[in-house]
Protein backbone atom coordinates (compact mmCIF):
# COMPACT_ATOMS: atom_id res chain seq x y z
CA MET A 1 0.12 0.07 0.17
CA LYS A 2 2.75 2.71 0.86
CA LYS A 3 4.60 1.75 -2.37
CA LYS A 4 1.27 2.48 -4.29
CA ASN A 5 0.79 5.79 -2.37
CA LEU A 6 4.51 6.64 -3.19
CA SER A 7 3.76 6.06 -6.96
CA LEU A 8 0.70 8.10 -6.82
CA MET A 9 2.39 10.80 -5.11
CA ARG A 10 5.21 10.61 -7.82
CA ILE A 11 2.88 10.60 -10.78
CA SER A 12 0.96 13.48 -9.20
CA GLY A 13 4.14 15.36 -9.06
CA ILE A 14 5.11 14.58 -12.42
CA ILE A 15 1.61 15.72 -13.66
CA LEU A 16 1.86 19.21 -11.86
CA LEU A 17 5.28 19.71 -13.32
CA LEU A 18 3.82 19.13 -16.87
CA ILE A 19 1.06 21.45 -16.19
CA PHE A 20 3.43 23.93 -14.88
CA THR A 21 5.94 23.54 -17.66
CA ILE A 22 3.07 24.00 -20.28
CA ALA A 23 1.99 27.13 -18.72
CA LEU A 24 5.22 28.77 -18.44
CA LEU A 25 5.75 27.95 -21.94
CA ASN A 26 2.54 29.47 -23.12
CA SER A 27 3.57 32.73 -21.20
CA CYS A 28 7.12 32.93 -22.96
CA THR A 29 7.71 35.74 -25.61
CA SER A 30 8.23 34.17 -29.10
CA SER A 31 8.35 36.14 -32.78
CA TYR A 32 7.51 34.97 -36.26
CA LEU A 33 8.46 37.23 -39.39
CA THR A 34 7.36 36.88 -42.77
CA THR A 35 9.37 39.06 -45.15
CA TRP A 36 9.44 40.31 -48.99
CA LYS A 37 12.17 42.33 -50.77
CA ASN A 38 11.45 44.24 -53.80
CA PRO A 39 13.12 42.71 -56.76
CA GLN A 40 13.72 45.65 -58.64
CA TYR A 41 15.97 47.15 -56.08
CA SER A 42 19.39 46.71 -57.17
CA GLY A 43 21.24 49.23 -54.74
CA SER A 44 23.82 48.34 -52.36
CA ALA A 45 23.73 47.99 -48.37
CA PHE A 46 22.26 51.16 -46.82
CA ASN A 47 25.07 53.31 -44.61
CA LYS A 48 22.66 54.79 -42.11
CA ILE A 49 19.27 53.71 -41.10
CA VAL A 50 16.75 55.84 -39.07
CA VAL A 51 14.15 53.85 -36.79
CA VAL A 52 10.63 55.25 -36.89
CA GLY A 53 8.12 54.08 -34.71
CA LEU A 54 4.50 54.98 -35.98
CA MET A 55 2.55 55.25 -32.66
CA LYS A 56 0.77 57.60 -30.76
CA GLU A 57 1.91 56.90 -27.11
CA LEU A 58 5.40 58.27 -26.83
CA ARG A 59 6.66 55.81 -24.13
CA MET A 60 6.17 52.64 -26.50
CA ARG A 61 7.69 54.70 -29.24
CA LYS A 62 10.90 55.76 -27.32
CA SER A 63 11.43 52.07 -26.08
CA LEU A 64 11.00 50.75 -29.84
CA GLU A 65 13.40 53.13 -31.43
CA TYR A 66 16.03 53.37 -28.68
CA ASP A 67 16.00 49.66 -28.08
CA PHE A 68 16.27 48.71 -31.57
CA VAL A 69 18.81 51.10 -32.56
CA LYS A 70 20.87 50.06 -29.73
CA MET A 71 20.49 46.55 -31.10
CA LEU A 72 21.62 47.64 -34.46
CA LYS A 73 24.46 49.51 -33.13
CA ASP A 74 25.53 46.29 -31.09
CA ARG A 75 25.79 44.48 -34.33
CA GLY A 76 27.69 47.14 -36.36
CA VAL A 77 24.81 48.82 -38.16
CA ASN A 78 24.79 52.77 -38.05
CA ALA A 79 21.34 53.70 -37.00
CA ILE A 80 19.46 56.61 -35.37
CA ALA A 81 16.26 56.97 -33.77
CA SER A 82 13.74 59.36 -35.27
CA LEU A 83 13.09 60.90 -31.80
CA ASP A 84 16.66 62.45 -31.79
CA PHE A 85 15.70 64.91 -34.51
CA LEU A 86 11.77 64.93 -35.21
CA SER A 87 10.12 66.37 -32.27
CA PRO A 88 6.65 64.35 -31.41
CA ASP A 89 5.18 67.56 -30.50
CA THR A 90 5.94 69.42 -33.73
CA LYS A 91 4.31 68.84 -37.11
CA GLN A 92 6.96 69.41 -39.65
CA THR A 93 6.82 69.73 -43.47
CA ARG A 94 8.22 67.24 -45.97
CA ASP A 95 10.91 69.51 -46.79
CA GLU A 96 11.77 69.92 -43.06
CA ILE A 97 11.77 66.30 -42.75
CA GLU A 98 14.14 65.78 -45.74
CA GLY A 99 16.43 68.36 -44.63
CA GLU A 100 17.02 66.71 -41.08
CA LEU A 101 17.43 62.96 -43.02
CA ALA A 102 20.01 64.59 -45.19
CA LYS A 103 21.76 66.58 -42.25
CA TYR A 104 22.33 63.11 -40.11
CA GLY A 105 23.37 61.24 -43.50
CA VAL A 106 20.32 59.04 -43.26
CA ASP A 107 19.85 56.78 -46.47
CA GLY A 108 17.36 54.20 -45.23
CA ILE A 109 14.11 54.59 -43.37
CA LEU A 110 12.73 51.56 -41.19
CA MET A 111 9.32 51.99 -40.13
CA PHE A 112 7.25 50.21 -37.46
CA GLU A 113 3.54 50.14 -37.95
CA LEU A 114 1.26 48.63 -35.05
CA LEU A 115 -1.32 46.39 -36.94
CA GLY A 116 -3.18 45.07 -34.22
CA VAL A 117 -3.31 42.98 -30.89
CA ASP A 118 -5.28 39.87 -30.40
CA LYS A 119 -6.15 38.14 -27.28
CA GLU A 120 -7.25 34.62 -26.73
CA LYS A 121 -8.07 32.82 -23.69
CA ARG A 122 -8.19 28.86 -23.83
CA TYR A 123 -9.12 26.06 -21.63
CA VAL A 124 -6.93 23.14 -21.19
CA PRO A 125 -9.55 20.48 -19.86
CA THR A 126 -8.89 17.88 -17.11
CA THR A 127 -6.31 15.55 -17.83
CA TYR A 128 -6.75 11.67 -16.61
CA TYR A 129 -3.92 9.23 -16.18
CA TYR A 130 -3.37 5.74 -15.26
CA ASP A 131 -2.96 4.52 -11.82
CA TYR A 132 -2.49 0.92 -10.87
CA TYR A 133 -4.38 1.71 -7.12
CA TYR A 134 -7.17 3.59 -8.47
CA GLY A 135 -7.80 2.80 -12.01
CA TRP A 136 -8.12 5.13 -14.98
CA TRP A 137 -11.00 7.32 -13.73
CA GLY A 138 -9.87 7.37 -10.14
CA VAL A 139 -6.87 9.97 -10.44
CA GLN A 140 -6.99 13.52 -12.69
CA SER A 141 -5.22 16.64 -13.01
CA GLY A 142 -7.40 19.79 -12.69
CA GLY A 143 -7.93 21.74 -16.28
CA TYR A 144 -6.62 25.26 -16.31
CA TYR A 145 -6.76 28.47 -18.48
CA THR A 146 -4.05 29.85 -20.93
CA SER A 147 -4.01 33.36 -22.38
CA THR A 148 -2.06 34.30 -25.50
CA THR A 149 -1.58 37.93 -26.66
CA ASP A 150 -0.49 38.31 -30.35
CA VAL A 151 1.00 41.68 -31.30
CA LYS A 152 1.17 42.34 -34.97
CA TYR A 153 3.52 44.89 -36.62
CA GLN A 154 4.29 45.86 -40.16
CA ILE A 155 7.92 46.77 -40.87
CA SER A 156 9.20 48.52 -43.80
CA LEU A 157 12.29 49.60 -45.25
CA TYR A 158 12.23 52.77 -47.66
CA ALA A 159 15.22 53.97 -49.59
CA ASN A 160 15.30 57.71 -48.85
CA SER A 161 16.93 58.57 -52.04
CA ASP A 162 13.60 57.91 -53.91
CA ASP A 163 11.25 57.04 -50.97
CA LYS A 164 10.58 53.66 -52.67
CA LEU A 165 9.76 50.33 -50.56
CA VAL A 166 13.07 48.03 -50.25
CA TRP A 167 12.04 45.40 -47.97
CA THR A 168 8.75 44.78 -45.80
CA GLY A 169 7.90 42.45 -43.01
CA GLN A 170 4.86 41.02 -41.05
CA SER A 171 5.42 40.01 -37.55
CA ASP A 172 3.75 38.50 -34.74
CA THR A 173 4.95 38.37 -31.15
CA TYR A 174 3.22 36.55 -28.60
CA ASN A 175 3.18 37.39 -25.05
CA PRO A 176 5.58 40.31 -25.06
CA ALA A 177 5.67 41.65 -21.36
CA ASN A 178 6.43 45.21 -22.89
CA MET A 179 8.19 47.04 -25.83
CA ALA A 180 11.75 46.04 -24.64
CA ASP A 181 10.67 42.18 -24.63
CA LEU A 182 9.05 42.50 -28.03
CA VAL A 183 12.09 44.04 -29.60
CA ASN A 184 14.35 41.37 -28.01
CA SER A 185 12.27 38.82 -29.61
CA LEU A 186 11.79 40.28 -32.89
CA GLY A 187 14.59 42.31 -33.47
CA PRO A 188 17.21 39.82 -34.18
CA LYS A 189 15.07 38.15 -36.82
CA ILE A 190 14.47 41.60 -38.67
CA ILE A 191 18.39 42.21 -38.71
CA ALA A 192 19.23 38.62 -39.79
CA SER A 193 16.72 39.23 -42.73
CA LEU A 194 18.03 42.44 -43.67
CA LYS A 195 21.66 40.95 -43.63
CA LYS A 196 20.64 37.96 -45.58
CA GLU A 197 19.10 40.46 -48.28
CA GLY A 198 22.37 42.34 -48.33
CA LEU A 199 20.57 45.68 -47.22
CA ILE A 200 22.71 46.27 -44.05
CA LYS A 201 26.16 45.21 -43.36
C-alpha cells in the first residue's frame, strides 16, 4: 500500500510539473516574421538607417526606437532614432523632414507600424492518467486556462533617395511583457533578414 501511495504521489508530482511547464511555455515571448524584398531594388547596403515608430504613445515609441537602434549598433549597423531629430510635439513639413534626414546622413528609413493586438483565452481540460491502485478514472489533474497575446507589426524599409519600398515584413510576437521584450524577441529576426538580403552590413 505504501509503495502504491508513493507511486501515486510521484505521478501526481510529474503531472503538476508538466502543467507548470506548459503554462510557462505559453507565457514565454516568441516572434515570427514573414518578409518580402523588392526584386527591382539593385542598390547596395544602406549606410545609416533611421528607426521610426509610428505610434501615438510616446513611451512605447521611445522604447521601440532606442532599443532597436541599440540592437543595430551592437551588431555594427549605423542607426539613429527618429526621436533624436523629429519632435513628437511639432508637425514638420516634408521639406523639413527631408532636410533633417540629409543632415544626419540617413539613406534608409525603417518604419514600425502596429497592425493590431489579438488576445485569446483557452481552456485546457482535465487530464486523466492511469494509476494501478485507483484505475483509469480514479486520478485526474485539474484543467486550467492559458492566455495568449499576439502583437502584430508591419515593418517597412524605404530608400531615402527615392522613397521606394525596398523590404517589408509582417510580424507576430506572442506574449511580450513590454516593448523592450518585443524588440528583444523580434529584433534579431529583422536584422538577420536585412543582412541576408544585403540591405545592411
